[in-house]
């Protein structure tokens, strides 16, 4: 097996996916203070990290160990989120990242706010209108994250107990 990258025609994803990965890698470098500082925090040199984030260096990428070293210093796992999306998954924060009034109370609060936003948008009888979309989506996503974190917390505290099966 050679170290030469496959031609773009042989790759699994469209070019935009790989471009997004390069851009996300650049975000990781920015949040780490640039490639010089990042090189002090992981293996590789400033030069190899610069190549890994440049779109014109198509055969150079950040290694998974470098991401594990560098992404925790970011407020968001930029590359990990792009990789999840490319594989058809969503990235959801773990319960450890949700702070505040406790997972149960946060779940209840966020779910109630999502229901309220949807209800208010539906009140006109026209459904969610364009000017309401951003607010409704924010509330729904906050509820999803809080409820998922609560579910994950239950799984951690009571491993092996599966959810009840619903009606088909």
C-alpha atoms as a PDB file:
ATOM      1  CA  UNK A   1       0.000   0.000   0.000  1.00  0.00           C
ATOM      2  CA  UNK A   2       1.474   3.318  -0.991  1.00  0.00           C
ATOM      3  CA  UNK A   3       1.272   6.593   0.870  1.00  0.00           C
ATOM      4  CA  UNK A   4      -0.119   8.364  -2.187  1.00  0.00           C
ATOM      5  CA  UNK A   5      -3.654   9.699  -1.805  1.00  0.00           C
ATOM      6  CA  UNK A   6      -6.397   8.467  -4.075  1.00  0.00           C
ATOM      7  CA  UNK A   7      -7.411  10.718  -6.903  1.00  0.00           C
ATOM      8  CA  UNK A   8     -10.493  12.837  -6.199  1.00  0.00           C
ATOM      9  CA  UNK A   9     -12.599  10.577  -8.448  1.00  0.00           C
ATOM     10  CA  UNK A  10     -11.852   7.553  -6.231  1.00  0.00           C
ATOM     11  CA  UNK A  11     -12.648   9.155  -2.885  1.00  0.00           C
ATOM     12  CA  UNK A  12     -15.829   8.327  -1.018  1.00  0.00           C
ATOM     13  CA  UNK A  13     -17.104  11.853  -0.393  1.00  0.00           C
ATOM     14  CA  UNK A  14     -17.459  14.928  -2.598  1.00  0.00           C
ATOM     15  CA  UNK A  15     -14.646  17.487  -2.552  1.00  0.00           C
ATOM     16  CA  UNK A  16     -16.634  19.853  -0.292  1.00  0.00           C
ATOM     17  CA  UNK A  17     -16.404  17.316   2.572  1.00  0.00           C
ATOM     18  CA  UNK A  18     -12.624  17.262   2.394  1.00  0.00           C
ATOM     19  CA  UNK A  19     -12.534  21.059   2.095  1.00  0.00           C
ATOM     20  CA  UNK A  20     -14.695  21.284   5.237  1.00  0.00           C
ATOM     21  CA  UNK A  21     -12.231  19.044   7.067  1.00  0.00           C
ATOM     22  CA  UNK A  22      -9.346  21.322   6.082  1.00  0.00           C
ATOM     23  CA  UNK A  23     -11.301  24.380   7.235  1.00  0.00           C
ATOM     24  CA  UNK A  24     -12.221  22.689  10.508  1.00  0.00           C
ATOM     25  CA  UNK A  25      -8.557  21.778  11.006  1.00  0.00           C
ATOM     26  CA  UNK A  26      -7.655  25.438  10.518  1.00  0.00           C
ATOM     27  CA  UNK A  27     -10.230  26.353  13.190  1.00  0.00           C
ATOM     28  CA  UNK A  28      -8.522  23.944  15.591  1.00  0.00           C
ATOM     29  CA  UNK A  29      -5.160  25.577  14.883  1.00  0.00           C
ATOM     30  CA  UNK A  30      -6.623  29.068  15.389  1.00  0.00           C
ATOM     31  CA  UNK A  31      -8.110  28.071  18.759  1.00  0.00           C
ATOM     32  CA  UNK A  32      -4.734  26.672  19.775  1.00  0.00           C
ATOM     33  CA  UNK A  33      -2.955  29.945  19.059  1.00  0.00           C
ATOM     34  CA  UNK A  34      -1.637  28.979  15.622  1.00  0.00           C
ATOM     35  CA  UNK A  35       0.495  26.158  14.315  1.00  0.00           C
ATOM     36  CA  UNK A  36       3.627  27.147  16.237  1.00  0.00           C
ATOM     37  CA  UNK A  37       1.876  26.892  19.610  1.00  0.00           C
ATOM     38  CA  UNK A  38      -0.085  23.828  18.521  1.00  0.00           C
ATOM     39  CA  UNK A  39       3.159  22.079  17.564  1.00  0.00           C
ATOM     40  CA  UNK A  40       4.274  22.399  21.194  1.00  0.00           C
ATOM     41  CA  UNK A  41       1.095  20.598  22.304  1.00  0.00           C
ATOM     42  CA  UNK A  42       1.208  17.605  19.978  1.00  0.00           C
ATOM     43  CA  UNK A  43       3.539  15.680  17.724  1.00  0.00           C
ATOM     44  CA  UNK A  44       4.657  17.243  14.479  1.00  0.00           C
ATOM     45  CA  UNK A  45       6.210  20.517  13.530  1.00  0.00           C
ATOM     46  CA  UNK A  46       4.809  23.893  12.678  1.00  0.00           C
ATOM     47  CA  UNK A  47       5.418  23.033   9.018  1.00  0.00           C
ATOM     48  CA  UNK A  48       3.521  19.716   9.101  1.00  0.00           C
ATOM     49  CA  UNK A  49       0.596  21.345  10.899  1.00  0.00           C
ATOM     50  CA  UNK A  50       0.520  24.184   8.362  1.00  0.00           C
ATOM     51  CA  UNK A  51       0.367  21.645   5.536  1.00  0.00           C
ATOM     52  CA  UNK A  52      -2.424  19.784   7.297  1.00  0.00           C
ATOM     53  CA  UNK A  53      -4.686  22.850   7.255  1.00  0.00           C
ATOM     54  CA  UNK A  54      -3.894  24.131   3.765  1.00  0.00           C
ATOM     55  CA  UNK A  55      -6.298  23.261   0.980  1.00  0.00           C
ATOM     56  CA  UNK A  56      -3.475  23.097  -1.565  1.00  0.00           C
ATOM     57  CA  UNK A  57      -1.754  20.275   0.368  1.00  0.00           C
ATOM     58  CA  UNK A  58      -4.367  17.613  -0.401  1.00  0.00           C
ATOM     59  CA  UNK A  59      -2.264  14.698   0.871  1.00  0.00           C
ATOM     60  CA  UNK A  60      -1.570  16.188   4.322  1.00  0.00           C
ATOM     61  CA  UNK A  61      -4.055  15.856   7.188  1.00  0.00           C
ATOM     62  CA  UNK A  62      -4.092  16.097  10.948  1.00  0.00           C
ATOM     63  CA  UNK A  63      -3.655  12.756  12.677  1.00  0.00           C
ATOM     64  CA  UNK A  64      -6.294  11.485  15.078  1.00  0.00           C
ATOM     65  CA  UNK A  65      -3.786  11.675  17.933  1.00  0.00           C
ATOM     66  CA  UNK A  66      -3.139  15.318  17.089  1.00  0.00           C
ATOM     67  CA  UNK A  67      -6.883  16.000  17.198  1.00  0.00           C
ATOM     68  CA  UNK A  68      -7.132  14.292  20.575  1.00  0.00           C
ATOM     69  CA  UNK A  69      -4.348  16.555  21.819  1.00  0.00           C
ATOM     70  CA  UNK A  70      -5.655  19.795  20.309  1.00  0.00           C
ATOM     71  CA  UNK A  71      -9.460  19.752  20.147  1.00  0.00           C
ATOM     72  CA  UNK A  72     -10.007  19.747  23.934  1.00  0.00           C
ATOM     73  CA  UNK A  73      -8.446  23.225  23.937  1.00  0.00           C
ATOM     74  CA  UNK A  74     -11.233  24.451  21.622  1.00  0.00           C
ATOM     75  CA  UNK A  75     -14.744  25.381  22.686  1.00  0.00           C
ATOM     76  CA  UNK A  76     -16.061  23.011  20.010  1.00  0.00           C
ATOM     77  CA  UNK A  77     -14.652  19.829  18.406  1.00  0.00           C
ATOM     78  CA  UNK A  78     -14.540  21.225  14.866  1.00  0.00           C
ATOM     79  CA  UNK A  79     -12.938  18.299  13.035  1.00  0.00           C
ATOM     80  CA  UNK A  80     -14.725  15.629  15.057  1.00  0.00           C
ATOM     81  CA  UNK A  81     -18.072  17.236  14.189  1.00  0.00           C
ATOM     82  CA  UNK A  82     -17.170  17.274  10.479  1.00  0.00           C
ATOM     83  CA  UNK A  83     -16.101  13.624  10.620  1.00  0.00           C
ATOM     84  CA  UNK A  84     -19.363  12.674  12.321  1.00  0.00           C
ATOM     85  CA  UNK A  85     -21.376  14.546   9.682  1.00  0.00           C
ATOM     86  CA  UNK A  86     -19.420  12.895   6.848  1.00  0.00           C
ATOM     87  CA  UNK A  87     -20.332   9.504   8.323  1.00  0.00           C
ATOM     88  CA  UNK A  88     -23.988  10.444   8.689  1.00  0.00           C
ATOM     89  CA  UNK A  89     -23.991  11.106  12.425  1.00  0.00           C
ATOM     90  CA  UNK A  90     -24.685  14.072  14.667  1.00  0.00           C
ATOM     91  CA  UNK A  91     -22.328  15.076  17.420  1.00  0.00           C
ATOM     92  CA  UNK A  92     -24.065  15.517  20.765  1.00  0.00           C
ATOM     93  CA  UNK A  93     -22.280  16.807  23.891  1.00  0.00           C
ATOM     94  CA  UNK A  94     -21.923  14.327  26.733  1.00  0.00           C
ATOM     95  CA  UNK A  95     -23.720  14.938  30.041  1.00  0.00           C
ATOM     96  CA  UNK A  96     -20.383  16.083  31.494  1.00  0.00           C
ATOM     97  CA  UNK A  97     -20.487  19.165  29.240  1.00  0.00           C
ATOM     98  CA  UNK A  98     -23.975  20.218  30.365  1.00  0.00           C
ATOM     99  CA  UNK A  99     -23.711  22.280  33.477  1.00  0.00           C
ATOM    100  CA  UNK A 100     -26.175  24.232  35.537  1.00  0.00           C
ATOM    101  CA  UNK A 101     -29.253  23.233  37.439  1.00  0.00           C
ATOM    102  CA  UNK A 102     -28.824  19.498  36.927  1.00  0.00           C
ATOM    103  CA  UNK A 103     -29.698  17.332  34.002  1.00  0.00           C
ATOM    104  CA  UNK A 104     -33.249  16.469  35.034  1.00  0.00           C
ATOM    105  CA  UNK A 105     -34.261  20.075  35.647  1.00  0.00           C
ATOM    106  CA  UNK A 106     -32.419  21.302  32.550  1.00  0.00           C
ATOM    107  CA  UNK A 107     -34.194  18.668  30.439  1.00  0.00           C
ATOM    108  CA  UNK A 108     -37.593  19.706  31.750  1.00  0.00           C
ATOM    109  CA  UNK A 109     -36.842  23.415  31.261  1.00  0.00           C
ATOM    110  CA  UNK A 110     -35.477  23.011  27.729  1.00  0.00           C
ATOM    111  CA  UNK A 111     -38.297  20.682  26.644  1.00  0.00           C
ATOM    112  CA  UNK A 112     -40.875  23.142  27.973  1.00  0.00           C
ATOM    113  CA  UNK A 113     -39.208  26.032  26.134  1.00  0.00           C
ATOM    114  CA  UNK A 114     -39.174  24.024  22.893  1.00  0.00           C
ATOM    115  CA  UNK A 115     -42.863  23.147  23.240  1.00  0.00           C
ATOM    116  CA  UNK A 116     -43.670  26.801  24.000  1.00  0.00           C
ATOM    117  CA  UNK A 117     -41.735  28.044  20.943  1.00  0.00           C
ATOM    118  CA  UNK A 118     -43.433  25.515  18.665  1.00  0.00           C
ATOM    119  CA  UNK A 119     -46.863  26.320  20.146  1.00  0.00           C
ATOM    120  CA  UNK A 120     -46.378  30.069  19.724  1.00  0.00           C
ATOM    121  CA  UNK A 121     -45.300  29.588  16.114  1.00  0.00           C
ATOM    122  CA  UNK A 122     -48.311  27.362  15.417  1.00  0.00           C
ATOM    123  CA  UNK A 123     -50.769  29.755  17.095  1.00  0.00           C
ATOM    124  CA  UNK A 124     -51.382  31.724  13.894  1.00  0.00           C
ATOM    125  CA  UNK A 125     -52.596  28.577  12.137  1.00  0.00           C
ATOM    126  CA  UNK A 126     -49.977  29.041   9.416  1.00  0.00           C
ATOM    127  CA  UNK A 127     -47.339  26.823  10.985  1.00  0.00           C
ATOM    128  CA  UNK A 128     -43.792  27.979  11.618  1.00  0.00           C
ATOM    129  CA  UNK A 129     -43.102  31.050   9.525  1.00  0.00           C
ATOM    130  CA  UNK A 130     -39.735  32.082   8.152  1.00  0.00           C
ATOM    131  CA  UNK A 131     -39.073  34.776  10.767  1.00  0.00           C
ATOM    132  CA  UNK A 132     -39.684  32.219  13.562  1.00  0.00           C
ATOM    133  CA  UNK A 133     -37.464  29.418  12.276  1.00  0.00           C
ATOM    134  CA  UNK A 134     -34.196  30.450  13.955  1.00  0.00           C
ATOM    135  CA  UNK A 135     -35.825  30.786  17.381  1.00  0.00           C
ATOM    136  CA  UNK A 136     -37.787  27.528  17.122  1.00  0.00           C
ATOM    137  CA  UNK A 137     -34.745  25.588  15.905  1.00  0.00           C
ATOM    138  CA  UNK A 138     -32.595  26.940  18.744  1.00  0.00           C
ATOM    139  CA  UNK A 139     -35.172  25.880  21.331  1.00  0.00           C
ATOM    140  CA  UNK A 140     -35.667  22.451  19.767  1.00  0.00           C
ATOM    141  CA  UNK A 141     -31.920  21.808  19.583  1.00  0.00           C
ATOM    142  CA  UNK A 142     -31.380  22.895  23.185  1.00  0.00           C
ATOM    143  CA  UNK A 143     -34.150  20.475  24.236  1.00  0.00           C
ATOM    144  CA  UNK A 144     -32.676  17.631  22.199  1.00  0.00           C
ATOM    145  CA  UNK A 145     -29.233  18.144  23.721  1.00  0.00           C
ATOM    146  CA  UNK A 146     -30.547  18.356  27.276  1.00  0.00           C
ATOM    147  CA  UNK A 147     -32.815  15.310  26.867  1.00  0.00           C
ATOM    148  CA  UNK A 148     -30.049  13.288  25.237  1.00  0.00           C
ATOM    149  CA  UNK A 149     -27.646  14.203  28.036  1.00  0.00           C
ATOM    150  CA  UNK A 150     -30.257  13.137  30.588  1.00  0.00           C
ATOM    151  CA  UNK A 151     -30.687   9.826  28.752  1.00  0.00           C
ATOM    152  CA  UNK A 152     -26.916   9.285  28.667  1.00  0.00           C
ATOM    153  CA  UNK A 153     -26.702  10.052  32.381  1.00  0.00           C
ATOM    154  CA  UNK A 154     -29.346   7.388  33.058  1.00  0.00           C
ATOM    155  CA  UNK A 155     -27.378   4.923  30.926  1.00  0.00           C
ATOM    156  CA  UNK A 156     -24.227   5.642  32.937  1.00  0.00           C
ATOM    157  CA  UNK A 157     -25.985   5.271  36.285  1.00  0.00           C
ATOM    158  CA  UNK A 158     -27.992   2.178  35.268  1.00  0.00           C
ATOM    159  CA  UNK A 159     -25.950   0.375  32.611  1.00  0.00           C
ATOM    160  CA  UNK A 160     -27.682  -2.296  30.598  1.00  0.00           C
ATOM    161  CA  UNK A 161     -31.248  -1.144  31.226  1.00  0.00           C
ATOM    162  CA  UNK A 162     -32.614  -0.526  27.746  1.00  0.00           C
ATOM    163  CA  UNK A 163     -35.449   1.894  26.909  1.00  0.00           C
ATOM    164  CA  UNK A 164     -38.964   0.458  26.789  1.00  0.00           C
ATOM    165  CA  UNK A 165     -40.089  -0.659  23.397  1.00  0.00           C
ATOM    166  CA  UNK A 166     -42.783   1.552  21.941  1.00  0.00           C
ATOM    167  CA  UNK A 167     -45.678   0.587  19.719  1.00  0.00           C
ATOM    168  CA  UNK A 168     -44.661  -0.132  16.112  1.00  0.00           C
END
